Protein backbone atom coordinates (compact mmCIF):
# COMPACT_ATOMS: atom_id res chain seq x y z
CA MET A 1 -20.82 -14.51 -40.78
CA ARG A 2 -20.16 -15.16 -37.08
CA ASP A 3 -18.03 -12.61 -35.23
CA ASP A 4 -15.07 -14.40 -33.64
CA VAL A 5 -14.91 -11.86 -30.81
CA GLY A 6 -16.97 -12.85 -27.76
CA ILE A 7 -16.22 -9.83 -25.56
CA ARG A 8 -15.07 -6.38 -26.59
CA THR A 9 -14.70 -3.20 -24.50
CA ASN A 10 -14.06 0.25 -25.94
CA GLU A 11 -12.59 2.83 -23.54
CA LEU A 12 -14.88 1.47 -20.81
CA SER A 13 -14.75 3.74 -17.75
CA LYS A 14 -16.43 3.89 -14.34
CA GLN A 15 -16.36 6.65 -11.75
CA TYR A 16 -18.28 5.98 -8.56
CA HIS A 17 -20.46 8.74 -7.10
CA GLY A 18 -18.61 10.92 -4.63
CA THR A 19 -15.12 10.01 -5.83
CA SER A 20 -12.73 12.03 -7.94
CA THR A 21 -10.79 9.12 -9.42
CA LEU A 22 -11.85 6.54 -11.98
CA ALA A 23 -12.29 2.98 -10.73
CA LEU A 24 -11.88 1.91 -14.36
CA ASP A 25 -10.11 4.14 -16.85
CA LYS A 26 -10.66 3.68 -20.61
CA LEU A 27 -10.38 -0.11 -20.68
CA SER A 28 -10.13 -1.47 -24.22
CA LEU A 29 -9.70 -5.21 -24.72
CA GLN A 30 -11.21 -8.14 -26.55
CA VAL A 31 -11.66 -11.86 -25.90
CA LYS A 32 -12.08 -14.15 -28.88
CA ARG A 33 -14.23 -17.26 -29.02
CA GLY A 34 -12.21 -20.29 -28.00
CA GLU A 35 -9.85 -18.11 -25.93
CA VAL A 36 -9.17 -17.92 -22.19
CA TYR A 37 -8.26 -14.38 -21.11
CA GLY A 38 -6.75 -13.96 -17.64
CA PHE A 39 -7.34 -10.65 -15.86
CA LEU A 40 -4.70 -9.99 -13.21
CA GLY A 41 -4.52 -7.26 -10.60
CA ALA A 42 -4.26 -6.57 -6.90
CA ASN A 43 -7.32 -5.92 -4.74
CA GLY A 44 -8.94 -2.66 -5.78
CA ALA A 45 -7.28 -2.63 -9.20
CA GLY A 46 -10.61 -2.66 -11.08
CA LYS A 47 -11.13 -6.36 -11.87
CA THR A 48 -14.51 -6.75 -10.17
CA THR A 49 -15.70 -3.35 -11.44
CA THR A 50 -14.93 -4.56 -14.98
CA ILE A 51 -16.91 -7.76 -14.47
CA ARG A 52 -19.89 -5.93 -12.98
CA LEU A 53 -19.93 -3.58 -15.97
CA LEU A 54 -19.85 -6.54 -18.38
CA MET A 55 -22.81 -8.07 -16.52
CA ASN A 56 -24.64 -4.68 -16.42
CA PHE A 57 -24.80 -4.75 -12.63
CA LEU A 58 -23.12 -1.35 -13.00
CA GLN A 59 -23.47 1.05 -15.89
CA PRO A 60 -20.43 2.79 -17.38
CA THR A 61 -19.59 6.43 -16.89
CA SER A 62 -18.28 6.44 -20.45
CA GLY A 63 -17.28 3.98 -23.15
CA ASP A 64 -19.10 0.75 -23.90
CA ALA A 65 -18.86 -3.03 -23.97
CA VAL A 66 -20.19 -5.61 -26.41
CA ILE A 67 -20.77 -9.32 -25.77
CA LEU A 68 -21.58 -11.59 -28.72
CA GLY A 69 -22.28 -8.50 -30.81
CA MET A 70 -24.79 -7.10 -28.30
CA ASP A 71 -24.47 -3.98 -26.16
CA THR A 72 -24.11 -4.86 -22.48
CA VAL A 73 -26.56 -2.12 -21.42
CA ASP A 74 -29.18 -2.21 -24.17
CA ASP A 75 -29.20 -6.01 -24.63
CA SER A 76 -28.49 -7.09 -21.07
CA VAL A 77 -31.37 -9.58 -20.77
CA GLU A 78 -30.52 -11.39 -24.01
CA ILE A 79 -26.83 -11.47 -23.12
CA LYS A 80 -27.50 -13.13 -19.75
CA LYS A 81 -29.17 -16.05 -21.53
CA ARG A 82 -25.85 -16.84 -23.21
CA VAL A 83 -23.39 -16.07 -20.44
CA GLY A 84 -22.18 -18.22 -17.56
CA TYR A 85 -21.31 -15.97 -14.63
CA LEU A 86 -19.56 -16.69 -11.34
CA SER A 87 -19.27 -13.93 -8.75
CA GLY A 88 -16.13 -13.54 -6.67
CA ASP A 89 -18.25 -13.45 -3.52
CA ILE A 90 -21.00 -15.86 -4.41
CA ALA A 91 -24.29 -15.64 -2.49
CA LEU A 92 -26.71 -18.57 -2.90
CA TYR A 93 -30.11 -19.28 -1.34
CA PRO A 94 -29.06 -20.71 2.07
CA LYS A 95 -32.25 -22.73 2.76
CA ALA A 96 -32.41 -24.37 -0.69
CA SER A 97 -30.54 -27.55 -1.48
CA GLY A 98 -28.03 -27.71 -4.31
CA SER A 99 -30.48 -29.71 -6.45
CA GLN A 100 -33.28 -27.20 -5.88
CA LEU A 101 -31.02 -24.29 -6.81
CA LEU A 102 -29.73 -25.93 -10.01
CA ASP A 103 -33.27 -27.02 -11.02
CA PHE A 104 -34.50 -23.44 -10.56
CA LEU A 105 -31.64 -21.91 -12.55
CA ALA A 106 -31.97 -24.55 -15.28
CA GLY A 107 -35.60 -23.50 -15.70
CA LEU A 108 -34.60 -19.84 -16.00
CA GLN A 109 -32.01 -20.76 -18.64
CA GLY A 110 -34.50 -22.90 -20.58
CA MET A 111 -32.16 -25.90 -20.50
CA HIS A 112 -33.41 -28.74 -22.70
CA SER A 113 -30.86 -31.31 -21.58
CA SER A 114 -29.37 -32.11 -18.18
CA GLU A 115 -26.70 -34.49 -19.47
CA TYR A 116 -23.80 -32.06 -19.09
CA ARG A 117 -25.12 -30.94 -15.71
CA ARG A 118 -24.97 -34.54 -14.48
CA THR A 119 -21.40 -34.85 -15.82
CA LEU A 120 -20.39 -31.79 -13.82
CA GLU A 121 -22.17 -32.98 -10.66
CA VAL A 122 -20.14 -36.20 -10.74
CA ARG A 123 -16.88 -34.47 -11.69
CA PHE A 124 -17.11 -31.98 -8.85
CA GLN A 125 -18.52 -34.46 -6.32
CA ALA A 126 -21.23 -31.91 -5.58
CA ASP A 127 -23.21 -32.20 -2.34
CA LEU A 128 -26.70 -31.59 -3.69
CA ASP A 129 -29.00 -32.69 -0.86
CA LYS A 130 -27.99 -30.47 2.08
CA PRO A 131 -29.15 -26.87 2.58
CA ILE A 132 -26.63 -24.59 0.90
CA GLY A 133 -26.21 -22.56 4.09
CA SER A 134 -24.77 -25.62 5.84
CA LEU A 135 -22.08 -26.24 3.21
CA SER A 136 -18.41 -25.29 3.43
CA LYS A 137 -17.01 -22.50 1.27
CA GLY A 138 -15.48 -25.06 -1.11
CA ASN A 139 -18.76 -26.91 -1.59
CA ARG A 140 -20.64 -23.66 -2.17
CA GLN A 141 -17.99 -22.71 -4.74
CA LYS A 142 -18.61 -26.00 -6.56
CA LEU A 143 -22.31 -25.11 -6.89
CA GLY A 144 -21.35 -21.67 -8.19
CA ILE A 145 -19.17 -23.29 -10.85
CA LEU A 146 -21.90 -25.77 -11.77
CA GLN A 147 -24.53 -23.05 -12.30
CA ALA A 148 -22.10 -21.09 -14.50
CA LEU A 149 -21.11 -24.04 -16.68
CA MET A 150 -24.10 -26.39 -16.83
CA HIS A 151 -25.96 -24.69 -19.69
CA GLU A 152 -22.80 -24.69 -21.87
CA PRO A 153 -22.82 -20.92 -22.45
CA ASP A 154 -21.13 -19.08 -25.32
CA VAL A 155 -19.34 -16.74 -22.89
CA LEU A 156 -17.96 -17.36 -19.40
CA ILE A 157 -17.25 -14.48 -17.01
CA LEU A 158 -15.57 -15.81 -13.88
CA ASP A 159 -14.35 -13.87 -10.84
CA GLU A 160 -11.73 -15.84 -8.86
CA PRO A 161 -13.32 -19.18 -9.86
CA THR A 162 -11.02 -21.54 -7.91
CA SER A 163 -11.27 -19.68 -4.60
CA GLY A 164 -11.85 -22.24 -1.83
CA LEU A 165 -11.33 -25.31 -4.02
CA ASP A 166 -8.91 -28.05 -3.02
CA PRO A 167 -6.27 -29.14 -5.60
CA LEU A 168 -8.39 -32.06 -6.86
CA MET A 169 -11.36 -29.80 -7.53
CA GLN A 170 -9.11 -27.22 -9.16
CA GLU A 171 -8.11 -29.91 -11.65
CA ALA A 172 -11.78 -30.65 -12.26
CA PHE A 173 -12.33 -26.97 -12.98
CA TYR A 174 -9.40 -26.83 -15.41
CA ASP A 175 -10.85 -29.82 -17.27
CA SER A 176 -14.20 -28.05 -17.53
CA LEU A 177 -12.51 -24.87 -18.73
CA ARG A 178 -10.76 -26.80 -21.50
CA GLU A 179 -14.09 -28.27 -22.60
CA ALA A 180 -15.66 -24.81 -22.77
CA LYS A 181 -12.72 -23.51 -24.76
CA GLU A 182 -12.87 -26.42 -27.22
CA ARG A 183 -16.60 -25.76 -27.60
CA GLY A 184 -15.73 -22.21 -28.71
CA ALA A 185 -16.69 -20.24 -25.61
CA ALA A 186 -15.02 -16.89 -24.92
CA ILE A 187 -13.71 -17.04 -21.34
CA PHE A 188 -12.86 -13.98 -19.22
CA MET A 189 -11.38 -14.96 -15.87
CA SER A 190 -10.01 -12.81 -13.07
CA SER A 191 -7.51 -14.45 -10.75
CA HIS A 192 -4.86 -13.82 -8.10
CA ASN A 193 -3.29 -17.20 -8.83
CA LEU A 194 -0.36 -16.49 -11.15
CA ALA A 195 0.51 -20.16 -11.69
CA GLU A 196 -3.10 -20.87 -12.58
CA VAL A 197 -3.26 -18.05 -15.12
CA GLN A 198 -0.02 -19.16 -16.71
CA ARG A 199 -1.35 -22.71 -16.98
CA VAL A 200 -4.85 -22.19 -18.40
CA CYS A 201 -4.93 -18.80 -20.14
CA ASP A 202 -4.07 -17.90 -23.73
CA ARG A 203 -3.59 -14.23 -22.94
CA VAL A 204 -3.31 -12.16 -19.81
CA GLY A 205 -3.99 -8.52 -19.04
CA ILE A 206 -2.48 -6.74 -16.02
CA ILE A 207 -4.57 -3.97 -14.49
CA LYS A 208 -3.51 -1.42 -11.88
CA ALA A 209 -5.49 1.51 -10.46
CA GLY A 210 -8.18 1.02 -13.09
CA ARG A 211 -5.85 1.06 -16.10
CA LEU A 212 -4.83 -1.85 -18.29
CA LEU A 213 -1.05 -1.65 -18.19
CA ARG A 214 -0.10 -4.56 -20.40
CA GLU A 215 -1.34 -7.60 -22.29
CA GLU A 216 0.76 -10.68 -23.00
CA ASN A 217 0.31 -13.82 -25.07
CA ILE A 218 1.05 -17.04 -23.24
CA GLN A 219 2.58 -19.55 -25.62
CA GLU A 220 2.33 -23.20 -24.74
CA GLY A 221 5.33 -24.38 -22.77
CA LYS A 222 6.84 -20.90 -22.48
CA GLN A 223 6.94 -18.32 -19.74
CA VAL A 224 5.33 -14.95 -20.21
CA GLY A 225 7.67 -12.01 -20.43
CA GLY A 226 10.67 -10.96 -22.40
CA ALA A 227 13.89 -9.05 -22.02
CA MET A 228 13.73 -6.47 -19.24
CA PHE A 229 16.43 -3.91 -18.54
CA ARG A 230 17.30 -2.35 -15.21
CA VAL A 231 18.97 0.93 -16.06
CA ARG A 232 20.55 3.53 -13.81
CA PHE A 233 20.99 6.81 -15.67
CA VAL A 234 23.49 9.52 -14.83
CA SER A 235 20.73 12.10 -14.34
CA PRO A 236 17.01 12.11 -13.39
CA GLU A 237 16.30 14.09 -16.57
CA ALA A 238 17.16 11.00 -18.60
CA VAL A 239 14.35 9.06 -16.88
CA GLU A 240 11.81 11.67 -17.92
CA LYS A 241 13.02 11.49 -21.52
CA ILE A 242 12.65 7.69 -21.47
CA ARG A 243 9.16 8.04 -20.01
CA ARG A 244 8.13 10.21 -22.96
CA ASN A 245 9.44 7.70 -25.50
CA LYS A 246 6.45 5.74 -26.87
CA GLU A 247 8.60 2.74 -27.80
CA LEU A 248 9.74 2.17 -24.21
CA THR A 249 7.68 1.24 -21.14
CA ILE A 250 8.87 1.95 -17.60
CA LEU A 251 7.62 -0.96 -15.50
CA SER A 252 8.91 0.33 -12.17
CA GLN A 253 11.11 3.06 -10.75
CA GLU A 254 13.49 2.46 -7.84
CA ASP A 255 14.66 6.04 -7.41
CA SER A 256 15.00 9.23 -9.44
CA GLN A 257 17.64 7.70 -11.71
CA THR A 258 16.91 3.93 -11.76
CA VAL A 259 14.11 2.23 -13.71
CA VAL A 260 13.12 -1.17 -15.07
CA VAL A 261 12.30 -0.80 -18.76
CA LYS A 262 10.63 -3.07 -21.30
CA SER A 263 10.22 -2.55 -25.02
CA ASP A 264 8.25 -4.21 -27.83
CA ALA A 265 10.92 -3.07 -30.30
CA THR A 266 13.79 -5.26 -31.45
CA LEU A 267 16.72 -5.70 -29.10
CA SER A 268 19.04 -3.56 -31.23
CA ARG A 269 16.43 -0.80 -31.47
CA THR A 270 15.81 -0.91 -27.70
CA LEU A 271 19.53 -0.63 -26.92
CA LYS A 272 19.85 2.26 -29.36
CA LEU A 273 16.99 4.13 -27.68
CA LEU A 274 18.45 3.61 -24.20
CA ALA A 275 21.94 4.63 -25.33
CA GLN A 276 20.66 8.06 -26.30
CA GLN A 277 20.91 8.88 -22.58
CA ASP A 278 24.00 8.68 -20.36
CA ILE A 279 23.91 5.33 -18.54
CA ALA A 280 25.69 4.66 -15.23
CA GLU A 281 24.61 1.01 -14.80
CA PHE A 282 22.85 -1.50 -17.03
CA ASN A 283 21.53 -5.07 -16.47
CA SER A 284 19.21 -7.30 -18.48
CA HIS A 285 17.08 -10.15 -17.12
CA GLU A 286 14.10 -12.32 -17.99
CA LEU A 287 10.81 -12.16 -16.12
CA ASP A 288 8.11 -14.79 -15.97
CA LEU A 289 4.50 -13.81 -15.32
CA GLU A 290 4.98 -13.58 -11.56
CA GLY A 291 8.09 -11.46 -11.98
CA GLU A 292 6.33 -9.13 -14.38
CA PHE A 293 3.38 -8.81 -12.03
CA ILE A 294 5.71 -7.90 -9.17
CA GLU A 295 7.49 -5.34 -11.35
CA TYR A 296 4.18 -3.59 -11.93
CA TYR A 297 2.98 -3.82 -8.34
CA GLY A 298 6.26 -3.42 -6.47
CA GLU A 299 6.04 -4.51 -2.84
CA GLN A 300 2.24 -4.49 -2.61
CA PRO A 301 0.86 -7.78 -1.19
């Protein structure tokens, strides 16, 4: 029976040589077939490290990852036959034309049909005859998308896929992403574009300093997020007690006595937990995905 999980990581960690901190710290997540998973984080949060580990360009310090039931280290060659990959800083052969590059990669992939490739070439208005080195960033990005999608892979791993695309080409990409999803591909996509993630993803994970802080489901037509509470306690000791409570999550801290808290418990249970401490000020508000991202990252750009 086919496993419905396309990508799974289990406490995946990476520590670079000469550093004392983990670039990725015990990442555990899964992406199902037919699902688009958005991976959100600021620069340096660990998004690209995660993708390079999945592609076996880096090897983990500890933990492991599985793609289509195969270990990303032991079965790397077989995995690459079934994955479409787009780097966040794509480097293509500058002297080759777009057609030459796609022909070469199609041969490596053992593609038996070029029908879908031709569909993508028309959809993205790809400039296939000029040397790649002479193309604009947007036109090079189109070729990167084409090479990732054209063999209709079972898994897509995409790092900032719409970078450099104009709005019309972004729409073309979203159409192609929907086709891959309907075909049953598992799609893992990092992005800085919050509106884009909210539009195309089924779930989103927020990563900061190498740690996955939160995952959210994105329901059609609804904003991500839920009830958040900004609470000012009478004493700093109350904040530490809240921090130790496993049913409450402190999203941000303004000062020694003021925090923004979120809970997966029921509203009545959440209020009961908070009321165990002396409260000086209390407000509730709703956050969409952008608001939640800002709560985690504070004033960072």
